[in-house]
Amino acid sequence: MTADARQGRASKIIDQMQERQDRAPERFALPFDRYPVTDLAGRPTYVLVARGQLVVEMDSAGPGIDPQQVLSKLGYRPWKRAVPSPERRTGVYEGRKRPQELAGDVQKLAELGITAAPHLVVPLGHIIKGDDYPFATAALGDFPPDAAEGKLGVPAVRVAVIDTGITPEDRTDSWLDAIVRRADNTEFLDVLPVTDGREGDGRLDWSAGHGSFAAGIVQRVAPRCEVTAYRFTRSDGLGTDKEAAEAMLRAVDEAAADGVRLIINASIGTPAVDGVPPLALQSAVRMIADRFPEVLIVASAGNNGSEDPMYPAAFDGVVAVGALASDLLPAPFSSHGDWVDCSCVGLGVVATFVAGTLPPVPDPAVTDYSFPESSWAVWSGTSFSAPQISGMVARACVDDPGLAPRDALDALLAGRGTIPGYGRVLRVLPGTPV
């Protein structure tokens, strides 16, 4: 499939998702719009933004200026879904605004010294490559029965997977069983459309299984570490800058309370808008670096196939991971640039998946296919190279109770060969030519 054809398919998928979100109940929905931007090559493109919402740096205003009063005069009110958080530096405000109006208001706020940006929808638009679905593959066997961290008596090492959550399924092969399932971290697998009060249509929603797949990769690489799931998305894998930031901060606070070493895996990404990166994620990354410098954040570099920096991967102190093919050459979809720290195989990765039928919407170009319970899949993306690095760091920390995650990463990358734009090259999982 050509790049233009992939772009066309991705655009069609986003159209379908937008229609679903506009009709979905509030508890599942995240209405969004396309916001026009220009990439580093000067080409027009777009990002996805939560409809009518801005993220605002609340302490960026000049003397005597109250950002809330200014926002109120512009027709904004605090976002009703915002949750209390230790991260008070950014706020989310919503109004009945189109993308062009958001852009105008961002400029008006900037003239008053107030930093604001459209509220970015974080992973989607950059996970979808237009021609990529997970496909069923052979199971890899049962999870090692003696691998659970508590049975070995080693100090806990935790990988927090910030993603779509974890499957509610009790697998027969014991994979993912050790991950605690709560109402706030289980994946939405098939909840849309809602018809006459009945959820779902017998098809997996967009991005269903993404979090379970990423968690399975961590377990494949580091079976003795602890894995926790933090869902920041709603149906169709849609979540916002602020929601992703809150999930990361919650993961850090809980790890600190439990006294465990922490690696955050964030297989998410979005570009900057008009030179402004996602403000809530930026604030969260800075807060974590200040309060918990021993925590390591690993993030996927993105699937845009360009040098445009993707965030949170491109933030200082975050490990940006690109994707390679099974021959350790760059995967054609992987974002790249001098901001990428390392890369490993992201093409044809095998990991745990969920039960259900794909594609989410009937597609004449793709024959329906189903996954059984306790399924495994092969999938591609930088989303699935990042958790391999998280797993390698966790495994080193489990083997050495005194090792900090950042020191483990330094040792892991030391002496590795490099590819310009893709950083240090590692072979972790083998990948499958697809």
Protein backbone atom coordinates (compact mmCIF):
# COMPACT_ATOMS: atom_id res chain seq x y z
CA MET A 1 0.00 0.00 0.00
CA THR A 2 1.36 3.41 -0.96
CA ALA A 3 1.79 6.24 1.52
CA ASP A 4 -1.11 8.13 -0.06
CA ALA A 5 -3.32 5.05 0.17
CA ARG A 6 -2.39 4.55 3.83
CA GLN A 7 -3.16 8.18 4.56
CA GLY A 8 -6.53 7.83 2.84
CA ARG A 9 -7.41 4.73 4.85
CA ALA A 10 -6.33 6.38 8.09
CA SER A 11 -8.47 9.41 7.29
CA LYS A 12 -11.46 7.16 6.61
CA ILE A 13 -10.92 5.37 9.93
CA ILE A 14 -10.82 8.69 11.77
CA ASP A 15 -14.05 9.74 10.04
CA GLN A 16 -15.70 6.53 11.28
CA MET A 17 -14.40 7.07 14.81
CA GLN A 18 -15.56 10.68 14.84
CA GLU A 19 -19.09 9.65 13.88
CA ARG A 20 -19.12 6.96 16.59
CA GLN A 21 -17.92 9.40 19.24
CA ASP A 22 -20.50 12.00 18.28
CA ARG A 23 -23.26 9.44 18.86
CA ALA A 24 -21.80 7.69 21.92
CA PRO A 25 -22.98 8.06 25.54
CA GLU A 26 -20.89 10.50 27.55
CA ARG A 27 -19.25 7.81 29.68
CA PHE A 28 -17.62 6.30 26.59
CA ALA A 29 -17.27 9.30 24.30
CA LEU A 30 -14.56 11.80 23.52
CA PRO A 31 -15.88 14.06 20.74
CA PHE A 32 -12.97 15.39 18.72
CA ASP A 33 -12.08 17.49 15.70
CA ARG A 34 -9.21 17.70 13.25
CA TYR A 35 -6.95 20.66 13.96
CA PRO A 36 -4.84 21.77 10.96
CA VAL A 37 -1.06 21.95 11.42
CA THR A 38 2.03 22.00 9.22
CA ASP A 39 4.76 19.40 9.69
CA LEU A 40 8.52 20.05 9.61
CA ALA A 41 8.58 19.37 5.88
CA GLY A 42 6.01 22.12 5.30
CA ARG A 43 3.22 19.71 4.44
CA PRO A 44 -0.31 20.39 5.68
CA THR A 45 -1.64 17.76 8.05
CA TYR A 46 -3.72 17.65 11.21
CA VAL A 47 -3.84 16.46 14.80
CA LEU A 48 -6.87 15.34 16.78
CA VAL A 49 -8.12 17.66 19.52
CA ALA A 50 -10.87 17.32 22.10
CA ARG A 51 -13.77 19.36 20.79
CA GLY A 52 -13.80 22.95 22.01
CA GLN A 53 -11.11 22.44 24.66
CA LEU A 54 -7.91 24.24 25.58
CA VAL A 55 -5.12 23.28 27.97
CA VAL A 56 -3.78 26.34 29.77
CA GLU A 57 -0.64 26.90 31.83
CA MET A 58 -2.25 28.56 34.81
CA ASP A 59 0.93 30.24 36.10
CA SER A 60 2.03 31.66 32.74
CA ALA A 61 0.03 34.93 32.87
CA GLY A 62 1.65 38.27 33.44
CA PRO A 63 1.23 40.33 36.64
CA GLY A 64 -2.35 41.25 37.44
CA ILE A 65 -3.87 38.89 34.87
CA ASP A 66 -6.23 36.15 36.04
CA PRO A 67 -6.31 33.37 33.40
CA GLN A 68 -9.70 32.10 34.61
CA GLN A 69 -11.31 35.51 34.16
CA VAL A 70 -9.81 35.86 30.69
CA LEU A 71 -11.02 32.40 29.71
CA SER A 72 -14.49 33.12 31.04
CA LYS A 73 -14.72 36.27 28.91
CA LEU A 74 -13.70 34.18 25.88
CA GLY A 75 -16.57 31.78 26.57
CA TYR A 76 -14.74 28.93 28.35
CA ARG A 77 -15.54 27.11 31.59
CA PRO A 78 -13.53 24.50 33.53
CA TRP A 79 -13.78 21.04 31.96
CA LYS A 80 -16.36 19.14 33.97
CA ARG A 81 -14.49 15.84 33.63
CA ALA A 82 -11.24 17.15 35.07
CA VAL A 83 -10.19 15.32 38.23
CA PRO A 84 -8.36 16.67 41.29
CA SER A 85 -4.63 16.22 40.85
CA PRO A 86 -1.32 17.23 42.38
CA GLU A 87 -0.53 18.62 38.92
CA ARG A 88 -2.13 22.05 39.26
CA ARG A 89 0.03 23.85 36.74
CA THR A 90 -2.29 23.16 33.81
CA GLY A 91 -6.05 23.43 33.55
CA VAL A 92 -8.52 22.30 30.91
CA TYR A 93 -11.27 24.63 29.73
CA GLU A 94 -14.08 23.96 27.30
CA GLY A 95 -16.39 26.05 25.17
CA ARG A 96 -18.46 25.73 22.02
CA LYS A 97 -15.54 26.37 19.72
CA ARG A 98 -14.43 25.14 16.32
CA PRO A 99 -10.73 24.45 15.58
CA GLN A 100 -10.29 27.82 13.87
CA GLU A 101 -11.77 29.57 16.91
CA LEU A 102 -9.48 27.64 19.24
CA ALA A 103 -6.51 28.84 17.20
CA GLY A 104 -7.69 32.43 17.46
CA ASP A 105 -8.19 32.17 21.22
CA VAL A 106 -4.74 30.63 21.68
CA GLN A 107 -3.31 33.71 19.95
CA LYS A 108 -5.36 36.09 22.11
CA LEU A 109 -4.15 34.33 25.26
CA ALA A 110 -0.55 34.46 24.04
CA GLU A 111 -0.81 38.21 23.66
CA LEU A 112 -1.58 38.34 27.40
CA GLY A 113 1.36 36.08 28.22
CA ILE A 114 -0.86 33.04 28.81
CA THR A 115 0.42 29.78 27.29
CA ALA A 116 -2.40 27.64 25.92
CA ALA A 117 -2.92 24.98 23.27
CA PRO A 118 -5.77 22.85 21.93
CA HIS A 119 -6.39 19.84 24.17
CA LEU A 120 -4.72 17.05 22.22
CA VAL A 121 -6.14 13.57 21.81
CA VAL A 122 -3.05 11.57 22.59
CA PRO A 123 -2.65 8.28 20.95
CA LEU A 124 -5.01 7.97 18.00
CA GLY A 125 -4.12 9.39 14.65
CA HIS A 126 -0.56 8.26 15.36
CA ILE A 127 -1.21 4.62 16.20
CA ILE A 128 -3.33 4.11 13.10
CA LYS A 129 -1.10 3.47 10.09
CA GLY A 130 -3.96 2.86 7.70
CA ASP A 131 -3.03 -0.68 6.70
CA ASP A 132 -2.30 -2.31 10.03
CA TYR A 133 -4.47 -4.55 12.19
CA PRO A 134 -3.38 -7.21 14.67
CA PHE A 135 -3.69 -10.74 13.33
CA ALA A 136 -4.01 -13.99 15.25
CA THR A 137 -0.93 -16.15 15.68
CA ALA A 138 0.14 -19.25 17.57
CA ALA A 139 0.24 -19.13 21.37
CA LEU A 140 3.63 -19.06 23.08
CA GLY A 141 2.69 -21.37 25.93
CA ASP A 142 1.76 -20.88 29.57
CA PHE A 143 3.14 -18.10 31.71
CA PRO A 144 5.99 -19.40 33.92
CA PRO A 145 4.31 -20.43 37.19
CA ASP A 146 7.22 -19.27 39.37
CA ALA A 147 7.68 -15.90 37.66
CA ALA A 148 5.43 -13.75 39.86
CA GLU A 149 7.56 -11.20 41.70
CA GLY A 150 6.31 -11.96 45.19
CA LYS A 151 7.28 -15.62 45.02
CA LEU A 152 10.95 -14.89 44.48
CA GLY A 153 11.46 -12.56 47.40
CA VAL A 154 13.16 -9.84 45.36
CA PRO A 155 12.44 -6.14 45.84
CA ALA A 156 9.55 -5.16 43.59
CA VAL A 157 10.21 -3.61 40.21
CA ARG A 158 7.10 -2.24 38.56
CA VAL A 159 6.32 -1.34 34.97
CA ALA A 160 3.30 0.94 34.74
CA VAL A 161 1.65 0.55 31.34
CA ILE A 162 -0.12 3.84 30.51
CA ASP A 163 -2.49 2.71 27.79
CA THR A 164 -5.99 1.43 27.03
CA GLY A 165 -6.09 -0.75 30.15
CA ILE A 166 -6.08 -4.51 30.61
CA THR A 167 -8.47 -7.15 29.36
CA PRO A 168 -11.13 -8.31 31.85
CA GLU A 169 -10.64 -11.87 30.60
CA ASP A 170 -9.28 -14.62 32.86
CA ARG A 171 -6.89 -16.29 30.45
CA THR A 172 -6.40 -20.03 30.61
CA ASP A 173 -2.65 -19.71 29.97
CA SER A 174 -2.09 -17.48 33.06
CA TRP A 175 -0.60 -14.62 31.04
CA LEU A 176 -1.67 -11.20 32.39
CA ASP A 177 -3.26 -12.88 35.44
CA ALA A 178 -1.00 -11.06 37.91
CA ILE A 179 -2.22 -7.66 36.67
CA VAL A 180 -4.90 -6.43 39.05
CA ARG A 181 -8.17 -5.67 37.27
CA ARG A 182 -10.17 -2.75 38.57
CA ALA A 183 -13.19 -0.97 37.15
CA ASP A 184 -10.96 1.97 36.20
CA ASN A 185 -8.30 -0.01 34.35
CA THR A 186 -10.15 -2.66 32.33
CA GLU A 187 -10.22 -2.17 28.59
CA PHE A 188 -13.32 -1.14 26.70
CA LEU A 189 -13.41 -3.99 24.19
CA ASP A 190 -16.85 -3.77 22.60
CA VAL A 191 -19.02 -0.96 23.93
CA LEU A 192 -19.84 1.01 20.77
CA PRO A 193 -22.22 1.56 19.21
CA VAL A 194 -24.84 1.71 21.97
CA THR A 195 -28.23 0.78 20.49
CA ASP A 196 -31.43 0.87 22.55
CA GLY A 197 -29.33 0.77 25.71
CA ARG A 198 -27.36 -2.27 24.55
CA GLU A 199 -23.58 -1.89 24.33
CA GLY A 200 -21.52 -3.16 21.43
CA ASP A 201 -22.08 -4.80 18.09
CA GLY A 202 -20.01 -7.97 18.35
CA ARG A 203 -16.86 -6.24 17.08
CA LEU A 204 -13.84 -4.99 18.95
CA ASP A 205 -13.65 -1.20 19.25
CA TRP A 206 -10.73 0.70 17.74
CA SER A 207 -7.48 0.05 19.64
CA ALA A 208 -9.10 -2.62 21.83
CA GLY A 209 -6.36 -4.91 23.08
CA HIS A 210 -3.60 -2.31 22.70
CA GLY A 211 -2.90 -2.15 26.43
CA SER A 212 -3.12 -5.92 26.89
CA PHE A 213 -0.69 -6.37 24.00
CA ALA A 214 1.82 -3.89 25.46
CA ALA A 215 1.55 -5.49 28.91
CA GLY A 216 2.12 -8.93 27.37
CA ILE A 217 5.31 -7.68 25.74
CA VAL A 218 6.63 -6.51 29.10
CA GLN A 219 5.83 -9.91 30.59
CA ARG A 220 7.53 -11.71 27.71
CA VAL A 221 10.74 -9.75 28.28
CA ALA A 222 10.65 -9.50 32.09
CA PRO A 223 8.34 -12.19 33.52
CA ARG A 224 9.55 -11.60 37.08
CA CYS A 225 8.67 -7.91 37.26
CA GLU A 226 5.35 -6.48 38.40
CA VAL A 227 3.12 -4.97 35.71
CA THR A 228 0.32 -2.52 36.44
CA ALA A 229 -2.21 -1.11 33.98
CA TYR A 230 -3.42 2.49 33.94
CA ARG A 231 -6.21 3.21 31.49
CA PHE A 232 -6.41 6.83 30.42
CA THR A 233 -8.61 6.22 27.38
CA ARG A 234 -12.27 5.83 26.71
CA SER A 235 -13.82 3.82 23.88
CA ASP A 236 -11.94 3.56 20.57
CA GLY A 237 -8.67 4.16 22.42
CA LEU A 238 -9.30 7.88 22.74
CA GLY A 239 -7.73 9.78 25.62
CA THR A 240 -6.44 13.29 26.15
CA ASP A 241 -3.18 15.00 27.06
CA LYS A 242 -4.51 15.76 30.55
CA GLU A 243 -5.82 12.23 31.13
CA ALA A 244 -2.52 10.67 30.09
CA ALA A 245 -0.65 13.05 32.38
CA GLU A 246 -2.91 12.21 35.33
CA ALA A 247 -2.37 8.48 34.77
CA MET A 248 1.41 8.92 34.83
CA LEU A 249 1.26 10.93 38.04
CA ARG A 250 -1.00 8.38 39.68
CA ALA A 251 1.44 5.62 38.73
CA VAL A 252 4.32 7.52 40.30
CA ASP A 253 2.46 8.30 43.51
CA GLU A 254 1.34 4.68 43.95
CA ALA A 255 4.84 3.34 43.31
CA ALA A 256 6.28 5.76 45.86
CA ALA A 257 3.68 4.69 48.43
CA ASP A 258 4.46 1.02 47.77
CA GLY A 259 8.23 1.52 47.85
CA VAL A 260 8.94 0.01 44.43
CA ARG A 261 11.28 1.00 41.62
CA LEU A 262 9.25 2.24 38.68
CA ILE A 263 9.46 2.26 34.90
CA ILE A 264 6.60 4.03 33.10
CA ASN A 265 5.80 2.67 29.66
CA ALA A 266 3.88 5.20 27.56
CA SER A 267 3.08 3.74 24.13
CA ILE A 268 1.40 6.99 23.17
CA GLY A 269 2.37 10.04 21.22
CA THR A 270 1.33 13.30 19.64
CA PRO A 271 3.22 16.09 17.87
CA ALA A 272 3.44 19.68 18.99
CA VAL A 273 0.83 22.14 17.75
CA ASP A 274 2.27 25.37 16.37
CA GLY A 275 5.46 24.62 18.28
CA VAL A 276 3.68 23.97 21.60
CA PRO A 277 4.00 20.39 22.93
CA PRO A 278 1.20 18.78 24.96
CA LEU A 279 1.20 21.02 28.01
CA ALA A 280 -0.22 18.63 30.62
CA LEU A 281 2.20 15.85 29.68
CA GLN A 282 5.06 18.35 29.69
CA SER A 283 4.11 19.47 33.19
CA ALA A 284 3.76 15.88 34.41
CA VAL A 285 7.16 14.86 33.02
CA ARG A 286 8.79 17.84 34.71
CA MET A 287 7.04 17.12 38.01
CA ILE A 288 8.14 13.48 37.93
CA ALA A 289 11.73 14.49 37.17
CA ASP A 290 11.72 16.96 40.09
CA ARG A 291 9.98 14.79 42.68
CA PHE A 292 10.98 11.28 41.60
CA PRO A 293 14.21 11.50 39.56
CA GLU A 294 14.78 7.75 39.92
CA VAL A 295 11.65 6.97 37.84
CA LEU A 296 12.31 6.12 34.20
CA ILE A 297 9.79 7.04 31.48
CA VAL A 298 9.93 5.09 28.22
CA ALA A 299 7.77 6.23 25.30
CA SER A 300 7.11 5.22 21.71
CA ALA A 301 8.55 7.49 19.03
CA GLY A 302 5.41 7.36 16.90
CA ASN A 303 4.41 5.95 13.54
CA ASN A 304 4.44 9.03 11.34
CA GLY A 305 7.51 7.99 9.36
CA SER A 306 8.89 11.52 9.71
CA GLU A 307 11.35 13.52 11.80
CA ASP A 308 8.61 15.50 13.56
CA PRO A 309 9.18 15.09 17.32
CA MET A 310 6.47 13.17 19.11
CA TYR A 311 5.60 13.66 22.77
CA PRO A 312 6.11 12.54 25.49
CA ALA A 313 8.99 10.68 23.76
CA ALA A 314 10.78 13.88 22.71
CA PHE A 315 10.71 15.51 26.15
CA ASP A 316 14.07 15.79 27.91
CA GLY A 317 14.65 12.83 30.20
CA VAL A 318 12.15 10.53 28.43
CA VAL A 319 13.51 7.51 26.54
CA ALA A 320 12.25 7.70 22.94
CA VAL A 321 12.02 4.30 21.22
CA GLY A 322 11.79 3.80 17.46
CA ALA A 323 10.91 0.67 15.50
CA LEU A 324 13.02 -1.64 13.35
CA ALA A 325 12.21 -4.54 11.06
CA SER A 326 13.35 -8.07 11.90
CA ASP A 327 16.63 -7.43 10.02
CA LEU A 328 17.32 -4.47 12.36
CA LEU A 329 16.84 -1.93 9.58
CA PRO A 330 14.42 0.97 10.16
CA ALA A 331 10.71 0.17 9.93
CA PRO A 332 9.21 2.41 7.22
CA PHE A 333 6.50 3.78 9.51
CA SER A 334 8.75 4.68 12.46
CA SER A 335 9.20 8.30 13.41
CA HIS A 336 12.86 9.18 13.74
CA GLY A 337 15.30 11.99 14.43
CA ASP A 338 18.06 13.05 16.76
CA TRP A 339 15.52 13.00 19.60
CA VAL A 340 15.17 9.18 19.37
CA ASP A 341 17.35 7.37 21.93
CA CYS A 342 17.14 3.76 20.81
CA SER A 343 15.21 1.33 18.61
CA CYS A 344 14.32 -2.33 18.55
CA VAL A 345 12.09 -4.58 16.47
CA GLY A 346 8.60 -3.14 16.12
CA LEU A 347 7.49 -4.95 12.99
CA GLY A 348 5.62 -8.20 13.52
CA VAL A 349 5.79 -8.38 17.33
CA VAL A 350 3.94 -11.25 19.04
CA ALA A 351 2.09 -10.77 22.34
CA THR A 352 -1.13 -11.38 24.25
CA PHE A 353 -4.39 -10.17 22.74
CA VAL A 354 -8.11 -10.14 23.52
CA ALA A 355 -11.12 -12.10 22.33
CA GLY A 356 -13.31 -10.59 19.63
CA THR A 357 -13.82 -9.82 15.96
CA LEU A 358 -12.04 -7.30 13.72
CA PRO A 359 -12.14 -4.92 11.95
CA PRO A 360 -14.20 -2.61 14.19
CA VAL A 361 -16.30 -1.49 11.23
CA PRO A 362 -17.02 -3.81 8.27
CA ASP A 363 -14.38 -3.13 5.64
CA PRO A 364 -14.65 -4.48 2.07
CA ALA A 365 -10.84 -4.49 1.86
CA VAL A 366 -10.43 -6.67 4.97
CA THR A 367 -12.14 -10.00 5.61
CA ASP A 368 -13.66 -10.36 9.07
CA TYR A 369 -11.52 -12.44 11.41
CA SER A 370 -11.90 -13.39 15.05
CA PHE A 371 -9.67 -13.99 18.04
CA PRO A 372 -10.54 -16.76 20.51
CA GLU A 373 -10.15 -16.44 24.26
CA SER A 374 -6.57 -16.51 25.55
CA SER A 375 -5.46 -15.33 22.12
CA TRP A 376 -2.11 -14.15 20.82
CA ALA A 377 -1.55 -11.71 17.99
CA VAL A 378 1.12 -10.27 15.75
CA TRP A 379 1.08 -6.46 15.53
CA SER A 380 3.40 -3.66 14.49
CA GLY A 381 4.27 -0.18 15.69
CA THR A 382 6.59 1.81 17.92
CA SER A 383 3.91 1.19 20.55
CA PHE A 384 5.31 -2.34 20.71
CA SER A 385 9.02 -1.57 20.59
CA ALA A 386 8.83 0.72 23.65
CA PRO A 387 7.61 -1.98 26.10
CA GLN A 388 10.53 -4.18 25.07
CA ILE A 389 12.92 -1.52 26.37
CA SER A 390 10.80 -1.09 29.51
CA GLY A 391 10.95 -4.84 30.02
CA MET A 392 14.71 -5.03 29.53
CA VAL A 393 15.27 -2.30 32.11
CA ALA A 394 12.88 -4.01 34.54
CA ARG A 395 14.60 -7.35 34.08
CA ALA A 396 17.99 -5.84 34.89
CA CYS A 397 16.54 -4.21 38.01
CA VAL A 398 14.99 -7.50 39.16
CA ASP A 399 18.36 -9.22 38.76
CA ASP A 400 20.12 -6.47 40.76
CA PRO A 401 18.08 -5.27 43.79
CA GLY A 402 20.30 -2.19 44.15
CA LEU A 403 20.06 -1.05 40.53
CA ALA A 404 18.12 2.10 39.65
CA PRO A 405 16.14 2.05 36.38
CA ARG A 406 18.15 4.91 34.85
CA ASP A 407 21.43 3.15 35.63
CA ALA A 408 20.00 -0.04 34.15
CA LEU A 409 19.13 1.82 30.95
CA ASP A 410 22.64 3.29 30.68
CA ALA A 411 24.16 -0.17 31.02
CA LEU A 412 21.69 -1.58 28.50
CA LEU A 413 22.58 0.98 25.83
CA ALA A 414 26.32 1.17 26.46
CA GLY A 415 28.40 0.04 23.50
CA ARG A 416 25.45 -0.63 21.21
CA GLY A 417 25.67 0.26 17.55
CA THR A 418 23.64 3.15 16.21
CA ILE A 419 21.52 4.06 13.20
CA PRO A 420 21.29 7.81 12.49
CA GLY A 421 17.84 8.99 13.56
CA TYR A 422 17.08 5.77 15.42
CA GLY A 423 19.64 5.87 18.22
CA ARG A 424 21.12 2.75 19.78
CA VAL A 425 20.07 -0.53 18.18
CA LEU A 426 18.93 -3.48 20.30
CA ARG A 427 17.51 -6.86 19.48
CA VAL A 428 15.05 -7.92 22.15
CA LEU A 429 12.07 -9.80 20.68
CA PRO A 430 12.63 -11.26 17.22
CA GLY A 431 9.71 -9.86 15.23
CA THR A 432 8.02 -11.53 12.30
CA PRO A 433 8.40 -10.41 8.68
CA VAL A 434 4.98 -9.10 7.60
